[in-house]
Amino acid sequence: MGFRILLVGLGNRGRMWSSIVGGVEGVALSGVVEVNPATLAAYGAEHPDVPRFSDLAEALAGTASDAVLLVTPPDGHLAQAQQVFAAGLPLLAENKVPAIGFY
């Protein structure tokens, strides 16, 4: 079995990452986490073979993952990162950095 990634967040960027991960040989999604029920259901209709969760703790306990890819709003990253690290998994968190002007 290849490298298994748990994807957290299915907004625009999360769906983009889902496509990227799905296109890499030897890498697969072990599951996805999304709090919006409609978004999660729509994803499930397109990807019925990927386990879906609405709760990160449940997903961490219910999947065999090698790492977590966090693509959620940054204000929740600390609590989510703490859960991931408590589960003993490495984390890649995408973070939007505001533009910095130079004067």
PDB file of N, CA and C in Angstrom:
ATOM      1  N   MET A   1       0.847  -1.182   0.000  1.00  0.00           N
ATOM      2  CA  MET A   1       0.000   0.000   0.000  1.00  0.00           C
ATOM      3  C   MET A   1       0.888   1.240   0.000  1.00  0.00           C
ATOM      4  N   GLY A   2       0.445   2.280  -0.658  1.00  0.00           N
ATOM      5  CA  GLY A   2       1.219   3.510  -0.785  1.00  0.00           C
ATOM      6  C   GLY A   2       1.103   4.417   0.424  1.00  0.00           C
ATOM      7  N   PHE A   3       1.542   5.630   0.227  1.00  0.00           N
ATOM      8  CA  PHE A   3       1.497   6.665   1.260  1.00  0.00           C
ATOM      9  C   PHE A   3       0.072   7.191   1.347  1.00  0.00           C
ATOM     10  N   ARG A   4      -0.489   7.215   2.565  1.00  0.00           N
ATOM     11  CA  ARG A   4      -1.895   7.553   2.765  1.00  0.00           C
ATOM     12  C   ARG A   4      -2.031   8.912   3.459  1.00  0.00           C
ATOM     13  N   ILE A   5      -2.793   9.807   2.827  1.00  0.00           N
ATOM     14  CA  ILE A   5      -2.974  11.165   3.338  1.00  0.00           C
ATOM     15  C   ILE A   5      -4.431  11.383   3.740  1.00  0.00           C
ATOM     16  N   LEU A   6      -4.622  11.926   4.929  1.00  0.00           N
ATOM     17  CA  LEU A   6      -5.935  12.365   5.386  1.00  0.00           C
ATOM     18  C   LEU A   6      -6.059  13.840   5.028  1.00  0.00           C
ATOM     19  N   LEU A   7      -7.027  14.181   4.195  1.00  0.00           N
ATOM     20  CA  LEU A   7      -7.243  15.555   3.747  1.00  0.00           C
ATOM     21  C   LEU A   7      -8.319  16.201   4.604  1.00  0.00           C
ATOM     22  N   VAL A   8      -7.998  17.329   5.219  1.00  0.00           N
ATOM     23  CA  VAL A   8      -8.942  18.027   6.089  1.00  0.00           C
ATOM     24  C   VAL A   8      -9.318  19.343   5.432  1.00  0.00           C
ATOM     25  N   GLY A   9     -10.561  19.445   4.996  1.00  0.00           N
ATOM     26  CA  GLY A   9     -11.077  20.641   4.342  1.00  0.00           C
ATOM     27  C   GLY A   9     -11.346  20.385   2.871  1.00  0.00           C
ATOM     28  N   LEU A  10     -12.586  20.627   2.452  1.00  0.00           N
ATOM     29  CA  LEU A  10     -12.962  20.389   1.060  1.00  0.00           C
ATOM     30  C   LEU A  10     -13.494  21.646   0.375  1.00  0.00           C
ATOM     31  N   GLY A  11     -12.942  22.783   0.749  1.00  0.00           N
ATOM     32  CA  GLY A  11     -13.272  24.007   0.020  1.00  0.00           C
ATOM     33  C   GLY A  11     -12.588  23.965  -1.335  1.00  0.00           C
ATOM     34  N   ASN A  12     -12.490  25.104  -1.983  1.00  0.00           N
ATOM     35  CA  ASN A  12     -11.854  25.147  -3.309  1.00  0.00           C
ATOM     36  C   ASN A  12     -10.448  24.558  -3.291  1.00  0.00           C
ATOM     37  N   ARG A  13      -9.640  24.984  -2.334  1.00  0.00           N
ATOM     38  CA  ARG A  13      -8.260  24.498  -2.261  1.00  0.00           C
ATOM     39  C   ARG A  13      -8.210  23.024  -1.872  1.00  0.00           C
ATOM     40  N   GLY A  14      -9.082  22.596  -0.978  1.00  0.00           N
ATOM     41  CA  GLY A  14      -9.111  21.197  -0.578  1.00  0.00           C
ATOM     42  C   GLY A  14      -9.455  20.279  -1.740  1.00  0.00           C
ATOM     43  N   ARG A  15     -10.425  20.689  -2.555  1.00  0.00           N
ATOM     44  CA  ARG A  15     -10.781  19.884  -3.729  1.00  0.00           C
ATOM     45  C   ARG A  15      -9.620  19.858  -4.729  1.00  0.00           C
ATOM     46  N   MET A  16      -8.901  20.982  -4.828  1.00  0.00           N
ATOM     47  CA  MET A  16      -7.735  21.000  -5.700  1.00  0.00           C
ATOM     48  C   MET A  16      -6.699  19.990  -5.207  1.00  0.00           C
ATOM     49  N   TRP A  17      -6.447  19.987  -3.894  1.00  0.00           N
ATOM     50  CA  TRP A  17      -5.477  19.046  -3.321  1.00  0.00           C
ATOM     51  C   TRP A  17      -5.950  17.610  -3.498  1.00  0.00           C
ATOM     52  N   SER A  18      -7.246  17.379  -3.429  1.00  0.00           N
ATOM     53  CA  SER A  18      -7.779  16.028  -3.650  1.00  0.00           C
ATOM     54  C   SER A  18      -7.408  15.542  -5.037  1.00  0.00           C
ATOM     55  N   SER A  19      -7.530  16.403  -6.022  1.00  0.00           N
ATOM     56  CA  SER A  19      -7.163  16.030  -7.394  1.00  0.00           C
ATOM     57  C   SER A  19      -5.671  15.779  -7.516  1.00  0.00           C
ATOM     58  N   ILE A  20      -4.874  16.624  -6.871  1.00  0.00           N
ATOM     59  CA  ILE A  20      -3.423  16.464  -6.934  1.00  0.00           C
ATOM     60  C   ILE A  20      -3.008  15.127  -6.310  1.00  0.00           C
ATOM     61  N   VAL A  21      -3.502  14.865  -5.104  1.00  0.00           N
ATOM     62  CA  VAL A  21      -3.147  13.624  -4.419  1.00  0.00           C
ATOM     63  C   VAL A  21      -3.611  12.421  -5.235  1.00  0.00           C
ATOM     64  N   GLY A  22      -4.805  12.523  -5.804  1.00  0.00           N
ATOM     65  CA  GLY A  22      -5.334  11.418  -6.596  1.00  0.00           C
ATOM     66  C   GLY A  22      -4.544  11.129  -7.853  1.00  0.00           C
ATOM     67  N   GLY A  23      -3.752  12.093  -8.308  1.00  0.00           N
ATOM     68  CA  GLY A  23      -2.981  11.913  -9.519  1.00  0.00           C
ATOM     69  C   GLY A  23      -1.542  11.505  -9.304  1.00  0.00           C
ATOM     70  N   VAL A  24      -1.143  11.289  -8.059  1.00  0.00           N
ATOM     71  CA  VAL A  24       0.247  10.925  -7.768  1.00  0.00           C
ATOM     72  C   VAL A  24       0.327   9.418  -7.514  1.00  0.00           C
ATOM     73  N   GLU A  25       1.141   8.764  -8.299  1.00  0.00           N
ATOM     74  CA  GLU A  25       1.303   7.324  -8.150  1.00  0.00           C
ATOM     75  C   GLU A  25       1.906   7.000  -6.785  1.00  0.00           C
ATOM     76  N   GLY A  26       1.332   6.027  -6.110  1.00  0.00           N
ATOM     77  CA  GLY A  26       1.840   5.603  -4.810  1.00  0.00           C
ATOM     78  C   GLY A  26       1.305   6.417  -3.645  1.00  0.00           C
ATOM     79  N   VAL A  27       0.425   7.370  -3.919  1.00  0.00           N
ATOM     80  CA  VAL A  27      -0.168   8.204  -2.871  1.00  0.00           C
ATOM     81  C   VAL A  27      -1.686   8.105  -3.002  1.00  0.00           C
ATOM     82  N   ALA A  28      -2.379   8.010  -1.865  1.00  0.00           N
ATOM     83  CA  ALA A  28      -3.832   7.904  -1.891  1.00  0.00           C
ATOM     84  C   ALA A  28      -4.431   8.650  -0.708  1.00  0.00           C
ATOM     85  N   LEU A  29      -5.676   9.033  -0.849  1.00  0.00           N
ATOM     86  CA  LEU A  29      -6.393   9.628   0.275  1.00  0.00           C
ATOM     87  C   LEU A  29      -6.907   8.506   1.173  1.00  0.00           C
ATOM     88  N   SER A  30      -6.560   8.597   2.448  1.00  0.00           N
ATOM     89  CA  SER A  30      -7.083   7.635   3.417  1.00  0.00           C
ATOM     90  C   SER A  30      -8.467   8.059   3.881  1.00  0.00           C
ATOM     91  N   GLY A  31      -8.792   9.327   3.657  1.00  0.00           N
ATOM     92  CA  GLY A  31     -10.087   9.870   4.034  1.00  0.00           C
ATOM     93  C   GLY A  31     -10.081  11.369   3.861  1.00  0.00           C
ATOM     94  N   VAL A  32     -11.286  11.950   3.995  1.00  0.00           N
ATOM     95  CA  VAL A  32     -11.438  13.398   3.957  1.00  0.00           C
ATOM     96  C   VAL A  32     -12.303  13.826   5.131  1.00  0.00           C
ATOM     97  N   VAL A  33     -12.062  15.062   5.582  1.00  0.00           N
ATOM     98  CA  VAL A  33     -12.840  15.641   6.676  1.00  0.00           C
ATOM     99  C   VAL A  33     -13.412  16.955   6.191  1.00  0.00           C
ATOM    100  N   GLU A  34     -14.713  17.146   6.391  1.00  0.00           N
ATOM    101  CA  GLU A  34     -15.384  18.389   6.012  1.00  0.00           C
ATOM    102  C   GLU A  34     -16.575  18.589   6.942  1.00  0.00           C
ATOM    103  N   VAL A  35     -16.696  19.789   7.506  1.00  0.00           N
ATOM    104  CA  VAL A  35     -17.780  20.059   8.458  1.00  0.00           C
ATOM    105  C   VAL A  35     -19.090  20.423   7.775  1.00  0.00           C
ATOM    106  N   ASN A  36     -19.041  20.846   6.516  1.00  0.00           N
ATOM    107  CA  ASN A  36     -20.263  21.202   5.797  1.00  0.00           C
ATOM    108  C   ASN A  36     -20.880  19.926   5.215  1.00  0.00           C
ATOM    109  N   PRO A  37     -22.076  19.536   5.695  1.00  0.00           N
ATOM    110  CA  PRO A  37     -22.679  18.281   5.236  1.00  0.00           C
ATOM    111  C   PRO A  37     -22.941  18.238   3.735  1.00  0.00           C
ATOM    112  N   ALA A  38     -23.358  19.351   3.139  1.00  0.00           N
ATOM    113  CA  ALA A  38     -23.650  19.370   1.701  1.00  0.00           C
ATOM    114  C   ALA A  38     -22.365  19.180   0.887  1.00  0.00           C
ATOM    115  N   THR A  39     -21.297  19.823   1.311  1.00  0.00           N
ATOM    116  CA  THR A  39     -20.017  19.685   0.621  1.00  0.00           C
ATOM    117  C   THR A  39     -19.504  18.260   0.746  1.00  0.00           C
ATOM    118  N   LEU A  40     -19.630  17.691   1.931  1.00  0.00           N
ATOM    119  CA  LEU A  40     -19.173  16.322   2.164  1.00  0.00           C
ATOM    120  C   LEU A  40     -19.977  15.324   1.317  1.00  0.00           C
ATOM    121  N   ALA A  41     -21.287  15.526   1.241  1.00  0.00           N
ATOM    122  CA  ALA A  41     -22.137  14.641   0.435  1.00  0.00           C
ATOM    123  C   ALA A  41     -21.807  14.761  -1.046  1.00  0.00           C
ATOM    124  N   ALA A  42     -21.577  15.980  -1.523  1.00  0.00           N
ATOM    125  CA  ALA A  42     -21.229  16.173  -2.932  1.00  0.00           C
ATOM    126  C   ALA A  42     -19.901  15.501  -3.258  1.00  0.00           C
ATOM    127  N   TYR A  43     -18.946  15.614  -2.363  1.00  0.00           N
ATOM    128  CA  TYR A  43     -17.653  14.951  -2.572  1.00  0.00           C
ATOM    129  C   TYR A  43     -17.851  13.438  -2.609  1.00  0.00           C
ATOM    130  N   GLY A  44     -18.672  12.929  -1.707  1.00  0.00           N
ATOM    131  CA  GLY A  44     -18.931  11.492  -1.654  1.00  0.00           C
ATOM    132  C   GLY A  44     -19.584  10.963  -2.917  1.00  0.00           C
ATOM    133  N   ALA A  45     -20.420  11.775  -3.547  1.00  0.00           N
ATOM    134  CA  ALA A  45     -21.057  11.362  -4.794  1.00  0.00           C
ATOM    135  C   ALA A  45     -20.020  11.213  -5.911  1.00  0.00           C
ATOM    136  N   GLU A  46     -18.988  12.053  -5.886  1.00  0.00           N
ATOM    137  CA  GLU A  46     -17.938  11.998  -6.902  1.00  0.00           C
ATOM    138  C   GLU A  46     -16.839  10.996  -6.563  1.00  0.00           C
ATOM    139  N   HIS A  47     -16.630  10.749  -5.268  1.00  0.00           N
ATOM    140  CA  HIS A  47     -15.535   9.878  -4.806  1.00  0.00           C
ATOM    141  C   HIS A  47     -16.072   8.891  -3.763  1.00  0.00           C
ATOM    142  N   PRO A  48     -16.930   7.968  -4.174  1.00  0.00           N
ATOM    143  CA  PRO A  48     -17.565   7.072  -3.197  1.00  0.00           C
ATOM    144  C   PRO A  48     -16.606   6.134  -2.474  1.00  0.00           C
ATOM    145  N   ASP A  49     -15.408   5.948  -3.010  1.00  0.00           N
ATOM    146  CA  ASP A  49     -14.445   5.021  -2.413  1.00  0.00           C
ATOM    147  C   ASP A  49     -13.586   5.669  -1.329  1.00  0.00           C
ATOM    148  N   VAL A  50     -13.693   6.992  -1.152  1.00  0.00           N
ATOM    149  CA  VAL A  50     -12.888   7.695  -0.144  1.00  0.00           C
ATOM    150  C   VAL A  50     -13.719   7.844   1.129  1.00  0.00           C
ATOM    151  N   PRO A  51     -13.247   7.339   2.265  1.00  0.00           N
ATOM    152  CA  PRO A  51     -13.978   7.503   3.526  1.00  0.00           C
ATOM    153  C   PRO A  51     -14.159   8.987   3.868  1.00  0.00           C
ATOM    154  N   ARG A  52     -15.341   9.328   4.352  1.00  0.00           N
ATOM    155  CA  ARG A  52     -15.681  10.719   4.650  1.00  0.00           C
ATOM    156  C   ARG A  52     -16.054  10.879   6.120  1.00  0.00           C
ATOM    157  N   PHE A  53     -15.613  11.993   6.695  1.00  0.00           N
ATOM    158  CA  PHE A  53     -15.853  12.277   8.104  1.00  0.00           C
ATOM    159  C   PHE A  53     -16.216  13.754   8.269  1.00  0.00           C
ATOM    160  N   SER A  54     -17.005  14.032   9.281  1.00  0.00           N
ATOM    161  CA  SER A  54     -17.321  15.425   9.603  1.00  0.00           C
ATOM    162  C   SER A  54     -16.571  15.888  10.850  1.00  0.00           C
ATOM    163  N   ASP A  55     -15.769  14.998  11.423  1.00  0.00           N
ATOM    164  CA  ASP A  55     -15.052  15.303  12.653  1.00  0.00           C
ATOM    165  C   ASP A  55     -13.607  14.810  12.532  1.00  0.00           C
ATOM    166  N   LEU A  56     -12.659  15.682  12.835  1.00  0.00           N
ATOM    167  CA  LEU A  56     -11.246  15.331  12.698  1.00  0.00           C
ATOM    168  C   LEU A  56     -10.851  14.197  13.631  1.00  0.00           C
ATOM    169  N   ALA A  57     -11.275  14.243  14.878  1.00  0.00           N
ATOM    170  CA  ALA A  57     -10.905  13.188  15.825  1.00  0.00           C
ATOM    171  C   ALA A  57     -11.407  11.827  15.348  1.00  0.00           C
ATOM    172  N   GLU A  58     -12.612  11.800  14.833  1.00  0.00           N
ATOM    173  CA  GLU A  58     -13.187  10.558  14.309  1.00  0.00           C
ATOM    174  C   GLU A  58     -12.382  10.057  13.111  1.00  0.00           C
ATOM    175  N   ALA A  59     -11.968  10.965  12.247  1.00  0.00           N
ATOM    176  CA  ALA A  59     -11.183  10.587  11.073  1.00  0.00           C
ATOM    177  C   ALA A  59      -9.807  10.061  11.472  1.00  0.00           C
ATOM    178  N   LEU A  60      -9.186  10.705  12.447  1.00  0.00           N
ATOM    179  CA  LEU A  60      -7.874  10.249  12.907  1.00  0.00           C
ATOM    180  C   LEU A  60      -7.961   8.845  13.488  1.00  0.00           C
ATOM    181  N   ALA A  61      -9.032   8.562  14.209  1.00  0.00           N
ATOM    182  CA  ALA A  61      -9.220   7.243  14.807  1.00  0.00           C
ATOM    183  C   ALA A  61      -9.684   6.215  13.780  1.00  0.00           C
ATOM    184  N   GLY A  62     -10.387   6.667  12.736  1.00  0.00           N
ATOM    185  CA  GLY A  62     -11.016   5.745  11.804  1.00  0.00           C
ATOM    186  C   GLY A  62     -10.272   5.499  10.509  1.00  0.00           C
ATOM    187  N   THR A  63      -9.073   6.047  10.368  1.00  0.00           N
ATOM    188  CA  THR A  63      -8.300   5.826   9.147  1.00  0.00           C
ATOM    189  C   THR A  63      -6.889   5.372   9.503  1.00  0.00           C
ATOM    190  N   ALA A  64      -6.268   4.724   8.556  1.00  0.00           N
ATOM    191  CA  ALA A  64      -4.850   4.393   8.659  1.00  0.00           C
ATOM    192  C   ALA A  64      -4.134   5.396   7.771  1.00  0.00           C
ATOM    193  N   SER A  65      -3.661   6.482   8.366  1.00  0.00           N
ATOM    194  CA  SER A  65      -3.045   7.565   7.606  1.00  0.00           C
ATOM    195  C   SER A  65      -1.572   7.685   7.948  1.00  0.00           C
ATOM    196  N   ASP A  66      -0.800   8.138   6.960  1.00  0.00           N
ATOM    197  CA  ASP A  66       0.620   8.379   7.168  1.00  0.00           C
ATOM    198  C   ASP A  66       0.915   9.853   7.432  1.00  0.00           C
ATOM    199  N   ALA A  67      -0.006  10.719   7.036  1.00  0.00           N
ATOM    200  CA  ALA A  67       0.158  12.163   7.229  1.00  0.00           C
ATOM    201  C   ALA A  67      -1.194  12.836   7.052  1.00  0.00           C
ATOM    202  N   VAL A  68      -1.248  14.091   7.467  1.00  0.00           N
ATOM    203  CA  VAL A  68      -2.471  14.891   7.342  1.00  0.00           C
ATOM    204  C   VAL A  68      -2.146  16.141   6.535  1.00  0.00           C
ATOM    205  N   LEU A  69      -3.034  16.457   5.598  1.00  0.00           N
ATOM    206  CA  LEU A  69      -2.955  17.682   4.817  1.00  0.00           C
ATOM    207  C   LEU A  69      -4.116  18.560   5.256  1.00  0.00           C
ATOM    208  N   LEU A  70      -3.796  19.677   5.887  1.00  0.00           N
ATOM    209  CA  LEU A  70      -4.792  20.568   6.492  1.00  0.00           C
ATOM    210  C   LEU A  70      -5.033  21.756   5.581  1.00  0.00           C
ATOM    211  N   VAL A  71      -6.255  21.844   5.046  1.00  0.00           N
ATOM    212  CA  VAL A  71      -6.616  22.918   4.124  1.00  0.00           C
ATOM    213  C   VAL A  71      -7.917  23.541   4.628  1.00  0.00           C
ATOM    214  N   THR A  72      -7.827  24.155   5.793  1.00  0.00           N
ATOM    215  CA  THR A  72      -8.977  24.777   6.441  1.00  0.00           C
ATOM    216  C   THR A  72      -8.616  26.222   6.783  1.00  0.00           C
ATOM    217  N   PRO A  73      -9.608  27.024   7.200  1.00  0.00           N
ATOM    218  CA  PRO A  73      -9.285  28.395   7.597  1.00  0.00           C
ATOM    219  C   PRO A  73      -8.235  28.424   8.713  1.00  0.00           C
ATOM    220  N   PRO A  74      -7.263  29.321   8.609  1.00  0.00           N
ATOM    221  CA  PRO A  74      -6.137  29.349   9.550  1.00  0.00           C
ATOM    222  C   PRO A  74      -6.527  29.525  11.019  1.00  0.00           C
ATOM    223  N   ASP A  75      -7.648  30.153  11.305  1.00  0.00           N
ATOM    224  CA  ASP A  75      -7.990  30.388  12.710  1.00  0.00           C
ATOM    225  C   ASP A  75      -8.238  29.099  13.486  1.00  0.00           C
ATOM    226  N   GLY A  76      -8.470  27.998  12.815  1.00  0.00           N
ATOM    227  CA  GLY A  76      -8.661  26.726  13.502  1.00  0.00           C
ATOM    228  C   GLY A  76      -7.453  25.810  13.471  1.00  0.00           C
ATOM    229  N   HIS A  77      -6.369  26.262  12.848  1.00  0.00           N
ATOM    230  CA  HIS A  77      -5.209  25.392  12.655  1.00  0.00           C
ATOM    231  C   HIS A  77      -4.558  24.920  13.955  1.00  0.00           C
ATOM    232  N   LEU A  78      -4.472  25.774  14.955  1.00  0.00           N
ATOM    233  CA  LEU A  78      -3.781  25.367  16.182  1.00  0.00           C
ATOM    234  C   LEU A  78      -4.462  24.159  16.815  1.00  0.00           C
ATOM    235  N   ALA A  79      -5.756  24.231  17.018  1.00  0.00           N
ATOM    236  CA  ALA A  79      -6.477  23.118  17.648  1.00  0.00           C
ATOM    237  C   ALA A  79      -6.410  21.863  16.780  1.00  0.00           C
ATOM    238  N   GLN A  80      -6.523  22.044  15.468  1.00  0.00           N
ATOM    239  CA  GLN A  80      -6.454  20.894  14.573  1.00  0.00           C
ATOM    240  C   GLN A  80      -5.051  20.286  14.577  1.00  0.00           C
ATOM    241  N   ALA A  81      -4.039  21.131  14.556  1.00  0.00           N
ATOM    242  CA  ALA A  81      -2.655  20.639  14.589  1.00  0.00           C
ATOM    243  C   ALA A  81      -2.389  19.866  15.880  1.00  0.00           C
ATOM    244  N   GLN A  82      -2.900  20.348  16.991  1.00  0.00           N
ATOM    245  CA  GLN A  82      -2.705  19.650  18.253  1.00  0.00           C
ATOM    246  C   GLN A  82      -3.313  18.251  18.201  1.00  0.00           C
ATOM    247  N   GLN A  83      -4.479  18.109  17.584  1.00  0.00           N
ATOM    248  CA  GLN A  83      -5.102  16.792  17.443  1.00  0.00           C
ATOM    249  C   GLN A  83      -4.248  15.876  16.565  1.00  0.00           C
ATOM    250  N   VAL A  84      -3.769  16.423  15.466  1.00  0.00           N
ATOM    251  CA  VAL A  84      -2.955  15.628  14.538  1.00  0.00           C
ATOM    252  C   VAL A  84      -1.674  15.166  15.220  1.00  0.00           C
ATOM    253  N   PHE A  85      -0.988  16.084  15.901  1.00  0.00           N
ATOM    254  CA  PHE A  85       0.264  15.723  16.562  1.00  0.00           C
ATOM    255  C   PHE A  85       0.022  14.743  17.708  1.00  0.00           C
ATOM    256  N   ALA A  86      -1.092  14.887  18.416  1.00  0.00           N
ATOM    257  CA  ALA A  86      -1.426  13.937  19.481  1.00  0.00           C
ATOM    258  C   ALA A  86      -1.644  12.534  18.918  1.00  0.00           C
ATOM    259  N   ALA A  87      -2.078  12.463  17.659  1.00  0.00           N
ATOM    260  CA  ALA A  87      -2.261  11.169  17.004  1.00  0.00           C
ATOM    261  C   ALA A  87      -0.940  10.627  16.447  1.00  0.00           C
ATOM    262  N   GLY A  88       0.134  11.415  16.576  1.00  0.00           N
ATOM    263  CA  GLY A  88       1.450  10.965  16.146  1.00  0.00           C
ATOM    264  C   GLY A  88       1.710  11.077  14.650  1.00  0.00           C
ATOM    265  N   LEU A  89       0.953  11.949  13.979  1.00  0.00           N
ATOM    266  CA  LEU A  89       1.103  12.074  12.529  1.00  0.00           C
ATOM    267  C   LEU A  89       1.777  13.382  12.138  1.00  0.00           C
ATOM    268  N   PRO A  90       2.527  13.365  11.039  1.00  0.00           N
ATOM    269  CA  PRO A  90       3.066  14.613  10.499  1.00  0.00           C
ATOM    270  C   PRO A  90       1.954  15.408   9.819  1.00  0.00           C
ATOM    271  N   LEU A  91       2.173  16.699   9.720  1.00  0.00           N
ATOM    272  CA  LEU A  91       1.142  17.610   9.223  1.00  0.00           C
ATOM    273  C   LEU A  91       1.725  18.589   8.217  1.00  0.00           C
ATOM    274  N   LEU A  92       1.003  18.771   7.117  1.00  0.00           N
ATOM    275  CA  LEU A  92       1.275  19.856   6.189  1.00  0.00           C
ATOM    276  C   LEU A  92       0.040  20.737   6.210  1.00  0.00           C
ATOM    277  N   ALA A  93       0.208  21.992   6.616  1.00  0.00           N
ATOM    278  CA  ALA A  93      -0.924  22.915   6.714  1.00  0.00           C
ATOM    279  C   ALA A  93      -0.760  24.032   5.697  1.00  0.00           C
ATOM    280  N   GLU A  94      -1.753  24.170   4.851  1.00  0.00           N
ATOM    281  CA  GLU A  94      -1.748  25.270   3.894  1.00  0.00           C
ATOM    282  C   GLU A  94      -2.277  26.500   4.614  1.00  0.00           C
ATOM    283  N   ASN A  95      -1.582  27.599   4.434  1.00  0.00           N
ATOM    284  CA  ASN A  95      -1.943  28.832   5.140  1.00  0.00           C
ATOM    285  C   ASN A  95      -1.865  29.993   4.169  1.00  0.00           C
ATOM    286  N   LYS A  96      -2.920  30.759   4.101  1.00  0.00           N
ATOM    287  CA  LYS A  96      -2.918  31.942   3.247  1.00  0.00           C
ATOM    288  C   LYS A  96      -2.258  33.082   4.019  1.00  0.00           C
ATOM    289  N   VAL A  97      -1.200  33.599   3.460  1.00  0.00           N
ATOM    290  CA  VAL A  97      -0.477  34.701   4.081  1.00  0.00           C
ATOM    291  C   VAL A  97      -0.918  35.988   3.409  1.00  0.00           C
ATOM    292  N   PRO A  98      -1.322  36.997   4.202  1.00  0.00           N
ATOM    293  CA  PRO A  98      -1.729  38.245   3.576  1.00  0.00           C
ATOM    294  C   PRO A  98      -0.584  38.903   2.822  1.00  0.00           C
ATOM    295  N   ALA A  99      -0.937  39.600   1.770  1.00  0.00           N
ATOM    296  CA  ALA A  99       0.076  40.296   0.986  1.00  0.00           C
ATOM    297  C   ALA A  99       0.751  41.366   1.838  1.00  0.00           C
ATOM    298  N   ILE A 100       2.039  41.486   1.664  1.00  0.00           N
ATOM    299  CA  ILE A 100       2.813  42.475   2.421  1.00  0.00           C
ATOM    300  C   ILE A 100       3.295  43.528   1.442  1.00  0.00           C
ATOM    301  N   GLY A 101       2.993  44.772   1.747  1.00  0.00           N
ATOM    302  CA  GLY A 101       3.426  45.841   0.864  1.00  0.00           C
ATOM    303  C   GLY A 101       4.804  46.335   1.267  1.00  0.00           C
ATOM    304  N   PHE A 102       5.581  46.674   0.306  1.00  0.00           N
ATOM    305  CA  PHE A 102       6.916  47.243   0.564  1.00  0.00           C
ATOM    306  C   PHE A 102       6.886  48.706   0.175  1.00  0.00           C
ATOM    307  N   TYR A 103       7.450  49.542   1.022  1.00  0.00           N
ATOM    308  CA  TYR A 103       7.421  50.981   0.773  1.00  0.00           C
ATOM    309  C   TYR A 103       8.818  51.518   0.654  1.00  0.00           C
TER     310      TYR A 103
END
